[in-house]
């Protein structure tokens, strides 16, 4: 395809330092072959992970304000970023909380806090206020954009309820990196222990406390070993550790942040994978469970049923009894574990970063042609 010499894509990654957003952008840069832009300019902090993609086509730019605190970053985004963008360029915001006033911009929305009904109720007053401010900024940014990309239809529908009709809305799911995603092979459960894993940041809306309650009230002769992987709210983590103390011999391991390879190895060694979040745009951890062919117990709330489909047991994440029943069913039936794991794995195979990058660049190319 012939390139337009003026066709330039700016990507604002100024506040993108961790989480799924970083991986998302890394994969877009890896698959830049699908881009019809002559130049891709990434605005990011100094020595970011995106530096390694620097080339004649991919330009990495920073600014002193990006490398300071959030207030400097917002000032740069609101008043200085626009000075770097020509009127015939396109801006792609990897996060929806953008203060930039450039009119030809596309938003990638990956946060439903505020948009999903009742989602703000999961936070204390201080965190609720901050989350509400982020929601207001995101809502305005989406309304002022020329196009928006969502990772699930559920996320799109929830945002539309608050924003109204959205111009040029696209649903493009996350991809899946299979480098470490070896499928689980042993579905037998030890006669002495039952291993449960929950990979998630520790926040109220992730509903860890209901899982701990369920595990301590589980009618099983086996010793329960639960592994919680992920950082989060320190005060909540301490409360969960106190809640985990029991006289049944169950073990609760709070492992914090681990490297991806470690997470996947521990996950495959467990019998059941759990994901009980109440608010998710997509559920990348859930997709990773699926690709590993894990027997899965999943929240029936938010976008998660759309991602899981028929690949596991859906439960009310705030009802310990519902969680207990699901664990018991999977513990007692190897056939059920195998059936769900096979379905989960097959459902996961339609997701790839190659597809995500292709569809994203196709959308951005189309949006550019429609507006210039």
Protein backbone atom coordinates (compact mmCIF):
# COMPACT_ATOMS: atom_id res chain seq x y z
CA UNK A 1 0.00 0.00 0.00
CA UNK A 2 1.36 3.42 -0.97
CA UNK A 3 2.09 5.62 2.01
CA UNK A 4 1.04 9.24 2.30
CA UNK A 5 4.16 11.25 3.24
CA UNK A 6 2.09 13.30 5.68
CA UNK A 7 0.32 10.35 7.27
CA UNK A 8 1.49 10.35 10.88
CA UNK A 9 0.11 8.62 13.96
CA UNK A 10 0.87 10.00 17.42
CA UNK A 11 0.45 7.63 20.38
CA UNK A 12 0.12 9.14 23.84
CA UNK A 13 1.72 6.68 26.27
CA UNK A 14 2.86 9.35 28.71
CA UNK A 15 1.17 7.74 31.73
CA UNK A 16 1.47 4.15 30.57
CA UNK A 17 3.93 2.43 32.92
CA UNK A 18 2.40 -0.91 33.93
CA UNK A 19 -0.41 -3.37 33.35
CA UNK A 20 -2.15 -4.61 30.26
CA UNK A 21 -1.90 -1.26 28.49
CA UNK A 22 1.90 -1.58 28.27
CA UNK A 23 1.65 -5.05 26.72
CA UNK A 24 -1.06 -3.79 24.36
CA UNK A 25 1.16 -1.02 23.01
CA UNK A 26 4.23 -3.28 22.83
CA UNK A 27 2.30 -5.64 20.58
CA UNK A 28 1.03 -2.80 18.40
CA UNK A 29 4.62 -1.66 17.90
CA UNK A 30 5.79 -5.22 17.21
CA UNK A 31 3.17 -5.55 14.46
CA UNK A 32 3.61 -2.09 12.94
CA UNK A 33 3.79 -3.80 9.52
CA UNK A 34 -0.02 -3.51 9.46
CA UNK A 35 0.19 0.26 9.81
CA UNK A 36 -0.39 2.47 6.79
CA UNK A 37 1.27 5.42 8.56
CA UNK A 38 4.62 6.70 7.41
CA UNK A 39 5.56 7.63 10.95
CA UNK A 40 4.39 6.47 14.37
CA UNK A 41 5.43 8.88 17.13
CA UNK A 42 5.19 7.49 20.67
CA UNK A 43 5.13 10.05 23.48
CA UNK A 44 6.40 8.33 26.61
CA UNK A 45 8.60 8.67 29.69
CA UNK A 46 12.40 8.42 29.63
CA UNK A 47 13.89 4.91 29.14
CA UNK A 48 10.48 3.31 28.67
CA UNK A 49 9.96 -0.23 27.40
CA UNK A 50 8.99 1.24 24.04
CA UNK A 51 12.50 2.56 23.35
CA UNK A 52 13.54 -0.77 21.82
CA UNK A 53 11.14 -0.24 18.92
CA UNK A 54 12.85 2.96 17.79
CA UNK A 55 13.36 2.94 14.02
CA UNK A 56 13.02 5.14 10.95
CA UNK A 57 9.27 4.63 11.17
CA UNK A 58 8.77 4.52 14.96
CA UNK A 59 9.93 7.67 16.74
CA UNK A 60 10.12 7.74 20.54
CA UNK A 61 9.71 11.18 22.13
CA UNK A 62 9.69 12.37 25.71
CA UNK A 63 9.50 15.66 27.61
CA UNK A 64 10.79 16.72 31.06
CA UNK A 65 7.21 17.13 32.32
CA UNK A 66 6.31 13.52 31.41
CA UNK A 67 9.08 12.39 33.76
CA UNK A 68 7.74 14.35 36.74
CA UNK A 69 4.62 13.89 38.87
CA UNK A 70 1.04 13.50 37.69
CA UNK A 71 0.33 17.26 37.75
CA UNK A 72 3.19 17.99 35.36
CA UNK A 73 2.07 15.08 33.19
CA UNK A 74 -1.49 16.43 32.98
CA UNK A 75 -0.19 19.93 32.16
CA UNK A 76 1.96 18.48 29.36
CA UNK A 77 -0.95 16.45 28.03
CA UNK A 78 -3.41 19.36 28.18
CA UNK A 79 -1.26 22.21 26.86
CA UNK A 80 2.00 20.93 25.32
CA UNK A 81 1.16 17.69 23.50
CA UNK A 82 -1.06 19.48 20.99
CA UNK A 83 1.91 21.65 19.94
CA UNK A 84 3.68 18.51 18.70
CA UNK A 85 0.81 17.40 16.47
CA UNK A 86 0.10 18.85 13.02
CA UNK A 87 -3.49 19.36 11.95
CA UNK A 88 -3.24 16.50 9.44
CA UNK A 89 -1.98 13.99 12.01
CA UNK A 90 -3.98 11.46 14.05
CA UNK A 91 -3.67 11.03 17.83
CA UNK A 92 -4.24 7.63 19.46
CA UNK A 93 -4.77 7.67 23.24
CA UNK A 94 -3.95 4.31 24.84
CA UNK A 95 -5.88 5.36 27.97
CA UNK A 96 -9.23 7.12 28.10
CA UNK A 97 -8.33 9.68 30.81
CA UNK A 98 -6.87 12.14 28.33
CA UNK A 99 -6.86 15.91 28.87
CA UNK A 100 -5.60 16.67 25.37
CA UNK A 101 -7.83 18.95 23.27
CA UNK A 102 -6.58 17.80 19.87
CA UNK A 103 -9.74 17.14 17.83
CA UNK A 104 -8.58 14.30 15.57
CA UNK A 105 -8.04 11.76 18.33
CA UNK A 106 -9.00 8.12 18.93
CA UNK A 107 -9.57 6.70 22.41
CA UNK A 108 -8.79 3.15 23.53
CA UNK A 109 -11.03 2.55 26.55
CA UNK A 110 -9.82 -0.07 29.04
CA UNK A 111 -11.56 1.03 32.25
CA UNK A 112 -15.23 0.62 33.21
CA UNK A 113 -15.00 2.20 36.67
CA UNK A 114 -17.75 4.81 36.75
CA UNK A 115 -19.33 3.65 33.51
CA UNK A 116 -20.59 0.32 34.87
CA UNK A 117 -23.57 0.82 37.18
CA UNK A 118 -22.54 0.62 40.85
CA UNK A 119 -18.82 0.27 40.09
CA UNK A 120 -17.86 3.30 42.20
CA UNK A 121 -19.47 1.75 45.27
CA UNK A 122 -16.51 -0.62 45.61
CA UNK A 123 -14.24 2.21 46.77
CA UNK A 124 -13.68 4.14 50.00
CA UNK A 125 -14.50 7.87 49.95
CA UNK A 126 -11.02 9.02 48.87
CA UNK A 127 -10.60 6.39 46.17
CA UNK A 128 -14.22 6.84 45.07
CA UNK A 129 -13.60 10.56 44.55
CA UNK A 130 -10.42 9.94 42.53
CA UNK A 131 -12.16 7.24 40.48
CA UNK A 132 -15.08 9.57 39.82
CA UNK A 133 -12.74 12.30 38.59
CA UNK A 134 -11.09 9.80 36.22
CA UNK A 135 -14.53 8.73 35.02
CA UNK A 136 -15.56 12.33 34.29
CA UNK A 137 -12.33 12.95 32.35
CA UNK A 138 -12.75 9.70 30.39
CA UNK A 139 -16.39 10.44 29.60
CA UNK A 140 -15.50 13.86 28.20
CA UNK A 141 -12.54 12.47 26.23
CA UNK A 142 -14.70 9.79 24.61
CA UNK A 143 -17.42 12.31 23.73
CA UNK A 144 -14.83 14.60 22.11
CA UNK A 145 -13.02 11.87 20.16
CA UNK A 146 -13.62 11.06 16.49
CA UNK A 147 -13.57 7.31 17.25
CA UNK A 148 -13.29 4.92 20.19
CA UNK A 149 -12.02 1.36 20.52
CA UNK A 150 -13.37 -1.08 23.13
CA UNK A 151 -12.20 -4.57 24.03
CA UNK A 152 -15.69 -6.09 24.49
CA UNK A 153 -19.21 -5.32 23.33
CA UNK A 154 -20.22 -5.20 26.99
CA UNK A 155 -17.76 -2.36 27.61
CA UNK A 156 -19.07 -0.46 24.59
CA UNK A 157 -22.68 -0.87 25.71
CA UNK A 158 -21.93 0.32 29.26
CA UNK A 159 -20.11 3.43 28.03
CA UNK A 160 -22.92 4.24 25.58
CA UNK A 161 -25.36 4.24 28.52
CA UNK A 162 -23.42 7.13 30.09
CA UNK A 163 -22.05 8.93 27.03
CA UNK A 164 -24.80 8.43 24.48
CA UNK A 165 -24.20 7.40 20.89
CA UNK A 166 -20.51 7.10 19.97
CA UNK A 167 -19.09 8.03 16.59
CA UNK A 168 -17.08 5.26 14.95
CA UNK A 169 -17.08 2.70 17.76
CA UNK A 170 -14.96 -0.43 17.27
CA UNK A 171 -14.82 -3.62 19.35
CA UNK A 172 -11.32 -5.11 19.15
CA UNK A 173 -10.44 -7.64 21.88
CA UNK A 174 -7.11 -8.08 23.58
CA UNK A 175 -4.64 -10.49 22.10
CA UNK A 176 -2.85 -13.43 23.63
CA UNK A 177 0.89 -14.07 23.82
CA UNK A 178 1.50 -17.82 23.69
CA UNK A 179 5.23 -17.81 24.53
CA UNK A 180 4.65 -19.07 28.08
CA UNK A 181 1.09 -20.28 27.55
CA UNK A 182 1.68 -24.03 27.68
CA UNK A 183 -1.53 -25.96 28.21
CA UNK A 184 -2.07 -27.75 31.50
CA UNK A 185 -1.63 -31.53 31.08
CA UNK A 186 -2.40 -33.07 34.48
CA UNK A 187 -6.01 -32.79 35.64
CA UNK A 188 -5.79 -35.24 38.54
CA UNK A 189 -6.23 -33.77 42.02
CA UNK A 190 -4.09 -34.93 44.92
CA UNK A 191 -5.82 -36.98 47.61
CA UNK A 192 -4.36 -34.72 50.29
CA UNK A 193 -4.59 -31.18 48.91
CA UNK A 194 -6.66 -28.95 46.64
CA UNK A 195 -4.78 -26.09 44.97
CA UNK A 196 -6.62 -22.89 44.06
CA UNK A 197 -5.12 -19.84 42.33
CA UNK A 198 -6.39 -16.29 41.92
CA UNK A 199 -4.22 -13.92 39.84
CA UNK A 200 -5.41 -10.35 40.30
CA UNK A 201 -4.53 -7.03 41.84
CA UNK A 202 -5.88 -6.93 45.40
CA UNK A 203 -8.73 -4.43 45.33
CA UNK A 204 -12.22 -4.51 46.83
CA UNK A 205 -14.02 -5.15 43.56
CA UNK A 206 -11.91 -8.23 42.93
CA UNK A 207 -13.82 -9.97 45.78
CA UNK A 208 -10.98 -11.92 47.38
CA UNK A 209 -12.76 -11.99 50.75
CA UNK A 210 -15.63 -14.07 49.40
CA UNK A 211 -13.22 -16.65 48.00
CA UNK A 212 -11.36 -16.90 51.32
CA UNK A 213 -14.66 -17.36 53.16
CA UNK A 214 -15.68 -20.06 50.69
CA UNK A 215 -12.40 -21.93 51.03
CA UNK A 216 -12.56 -21.93 54.82
CA UNK A 217 -16.12 -23.30 54.68
CA UNK A 218 -15.50 -25.87 51.98
CA UNK A 219 -16.68 -29.40 52.81
CA UNK A 220 -13.60 -31.28 51.76
CA UNK A 221 -11.20 -33.60 53.55
CA UNK A 222 -8.34 -32.13 51.58
CA UNK A 223 -6.08 -29.35 52.80
CA UNK A 224 -6.75 -26.24 50.72
CA UNK A 225 -3.73 -24.38 49.36
CA UNK A 226 -4.67 -20.99 47.90
CA UNK A 227 -2.28 -18.77 45.95
CA UNK A 228 -3.01 -15.06 45.52
CA UNK A 229 -0.72 -13.40 42.98
CA UNK A 230 -0.77 -9.65 42.53
CA UNK A 231 -0.16 -6.41 44.40
CA UNK A 232 -2.80 -3.90 45.44
CA UNK A 233 -4.30 -2.14 48.43
CA UNK A 234 -1.95 -2.79 51.39
CA UNK A 235 -4.63 -2.28 54.05
CA UNK A 236 -6.96 -4.69 52.24
CA UNK A 237 -4.15 -7.21 51.84
CA UNK A 238 -3.55 -7.17 55.60
CA UNK A 239 -7.29 -7.66 56.24
CA UNK A 240 -7.35 -10.62 53.88
CA UNK A 241 -4.31 -12.17 55.58
CA UNK A 242 -6.08 -11.84 58.94
CA UNK A 243 -9.23 -13.38 57.45
CA UNK A 244 -7.13 -16.27 56.13
CA UNK A 245 -6.12 -17.46 59.59
CA UNK A 246 -7.98 -20.72 60.20
CA UNK A 247 -7.92 -23.90 62.29
CA UNK A 248 -8.48 -26.26 59.36
CA UNK A 249 -4.88 -26.38 58.20
CA UNK A 250 -5.61 -24.46 55.01
CA UNK A 251 -2.76 -22.44 53.55
CA UNK A 252 -3.15 -18.99 52.01
CA UNK A 253 -0.13 -17.63 50.16
CA UNK A 254 -0.02 -13.94 49.20
CA UNK A 255 2.81 -13.85 46.68
CA UNK A 256 2.61 -10.27 45.42
CA UNK A 257 3.99 -9.45 41.99
CA UNK A 258 5.78 -12.25 40.12
CA UNK A 259 7.36 -12.53 36.69
CA UNK A 260 5.06 -13.85 33.98
CA UNK A 261 6.86 -17.18 33.68
CA UNK A 262 6.50 -17.77 37.42
CA UNK A 263 2.81 -16.90 37.34
CA UNK A 264 2.11 -19.34 34.52
CA UNK A 265 4.10 -22.17 36.11
CA UNK A 266 2.28 -21.81 39.43
CA UNK A 267 -1.07 -21.54 37.65
CA UNK A 268 -0.59 -24.79 35.71
CA UNK A 269 0.39 -26.59 38.92
CA UNK A 270 -2.95 -25.68 40.52
CA UNK A 271 -6.23 -27.58 40.21
CA UNK A 272 -8.67 -24.68 39.79
CA UNK A 273 -8.22 -21.09 38.64
CA UNK A 274 -10.53 -18.40 39.99
CA UNK A 275 -11.35 -14.90 38.75
CA UNK A 276 -14.06 -13.08 40.73
CA UNK A 277 -13.86 -9.46 39.63
CA UNK A 278 -17.05 -7.39 39.51
CA UNK A 279 -15.76 -4.77 37.06
CA UNK A 280 -13.72 -5.64 33.97
CA UNK A 281 -13.48 -4.30 30.44
CA UNK A 282 -12.21 -7.66 29.20
CA UNK A 283 -10.36 -9.85 31.71
CA UNK A 284 -6.86 -10.53 30.33
CA UNK A 285 -6.06 -12.82 33.28
CA UNK A 286 -9.16 -14.83 32.49
CA UNK A 287 -7.99 -15.22 28.89
CA UNK A 288 -4.61 -16.45 30.13
CA UNK A 289 -6.35 -19.07 32.29
CA UNK A 290 -8.30 -20.13 29.21
CA UNK A 291 -5.21 -20.47 27.03
CA UNK A 292 -3.62 -22.69 29.69
CA UNK A 293 -6.70 -24.92 29.68
CA UNK A 294 -7.42 -24.37 33.37
CA UNK A 295 -10.68 -25.47 35.04
CA UNK A 296 -12.11 -22.02 35.72
CA UNK A 297 -14.55 -20.48 38.20
CA UNK A 298 -15.45 -16.99 37.05
CA UNK A 299 -17.55 -14.03 38.11
CA UNK A 300 -20.87 -13.76 36.27
CA UNK A 301 -20.62 -9.96 36.38
CA UNK A 302 -19.37 -7.31 33.96
CA UNK A 303 -17.76 -8.35 30.65
CA UNK A 304 -16.37 -11.67 31.91
CA UNK A 305 -19.13 -13.99 30.58
CA UNK A 306 -18.52 -12.51 27.11
CA UNK A 307 -14.86 -13.52 27.31
CA UNK A 308 -15.29 -16.91 29.02
CA UNK A 309 -18.41 -18.04 27.12
CA UNK A 310 -18.96 -21.75 27.96
CA UNK A 311 -15.39 -22.34 29.16
CA UNK A 312 -16.03 -22.52 32.90
CA UNK A 313 -18.46 -22.12 35.79
CA UNK A 314 -19.99 -18.68 36.30
CA UNK A 315 -20.80 -17.72 39.89
CA UNK A 316 -22.08 -14.77 41.87
CA UNK A 317 -18.71 -13.37 43.07
CA UNK A 318 -20.21 -12.06 46.32
CA UNK A 319 -21.92 -15.28 47.39
CA UNK A 320 -19.56 -17.68 49.13
CA UNK A 321 -22.12 -20.48 48.79
CA UNK A 322 -22.11 -20.12 45.01
CA UNK A 323 -18.32 -20.30 45.00
CA UNK A 324 -18.34 -23.33 47.34
CA UNK A 325 -20.73 -25.21 45.05
CA UNK A 326 -18.61 -24.52 41.99
CA UNK A 327 -15.37 -25.63 43.67
CA UNK A 328 -17.06 -28.79 44.96
CA UNK A 329 -18.41 -29.66 41.51
CA UNK A 330 -14.99 -29.31 39.89
CA UNK A 331 -13.23 -31.14 42.73
CA UNK A 332 -15.58 -34.12 42.49
CA UNK A 333 -15.66 -34.51 38.69
CA UNK A 334 -12.56 -34.95 36.54
CA UNK A 335 -14.81 -35.17 33.47
CA UNK A 336 -16.16 -31.71 34.27
CA UNK A 337 -12.66 -30.34 34.73
CA UNK A 338 -11.58 -31.77 31.38
CA UNK A 339 -14.69 -30.60 29.55
CA UNK A 340 -14.45 -27.02 30.77
CA UNK A 341 -10.70 -26.85 30.21
CA UNK A 342 -11.04 -28.03 26.60
CA UNK A 343 -13.81 -25.50 25.90
CA UNK A 344 -11.83 -22.70 27.56
CA UNK A 345 -8.74 -23.51 25.51
CA UNK A 346 -10.67 -23.67 22.23
CA UNK A 347 -12.43 -20.37 23.00
CA UNK A 348 -9.05 -18.74 23.65
CA UNK A 349 -7.57 -19.71 20.29
CA UNK A 350 -9.52 -17.01 18.43
CA UNK A 351 -7.56 -14.35 20.32
CA UNK A 352 -4.10 -13.31 19.11
CA UNK A 353 -2.00 -10.15 19.20
CA UNK A 354 -1.55 -10.51 15.46
CA UNK A 355 -5.32 -10.17 15.02
CA UNK A 356 -5.58 -7.35 17.58
CA UNK A 357 -2.82 -5.35 15.89
CA UNK A 358 -4.23 -5.95 12.39
CA UNK A 359 -7.74 -4.86 13.40
CA UNK A 360 -6.46 -1.85 15.36
CA UNK A 361 -4.31 -0.53 12.53
CA UNK A 362 -7.09 -1.24 10.02
CA UNK A 363 -9.43 0.88 12.15
CA UNK A 364 -6.86 3.68 12.55
CA UNK A 365 -6.07 3.65 8.83
CA UNK A 366 -9.79 3.85 8.02
CA UNK A 367 -10.39 6.64 10.55
CA UNK A 368 -7.53 8.65 9.08
CA UNK A 369 -8.83 8.29 5.53
CA UNK A 370 -12.31 9.34 6.63
CA UNK A 371 -11.11 12.50 8.34
CA UNK A 372 -8.31 13.82 6.10
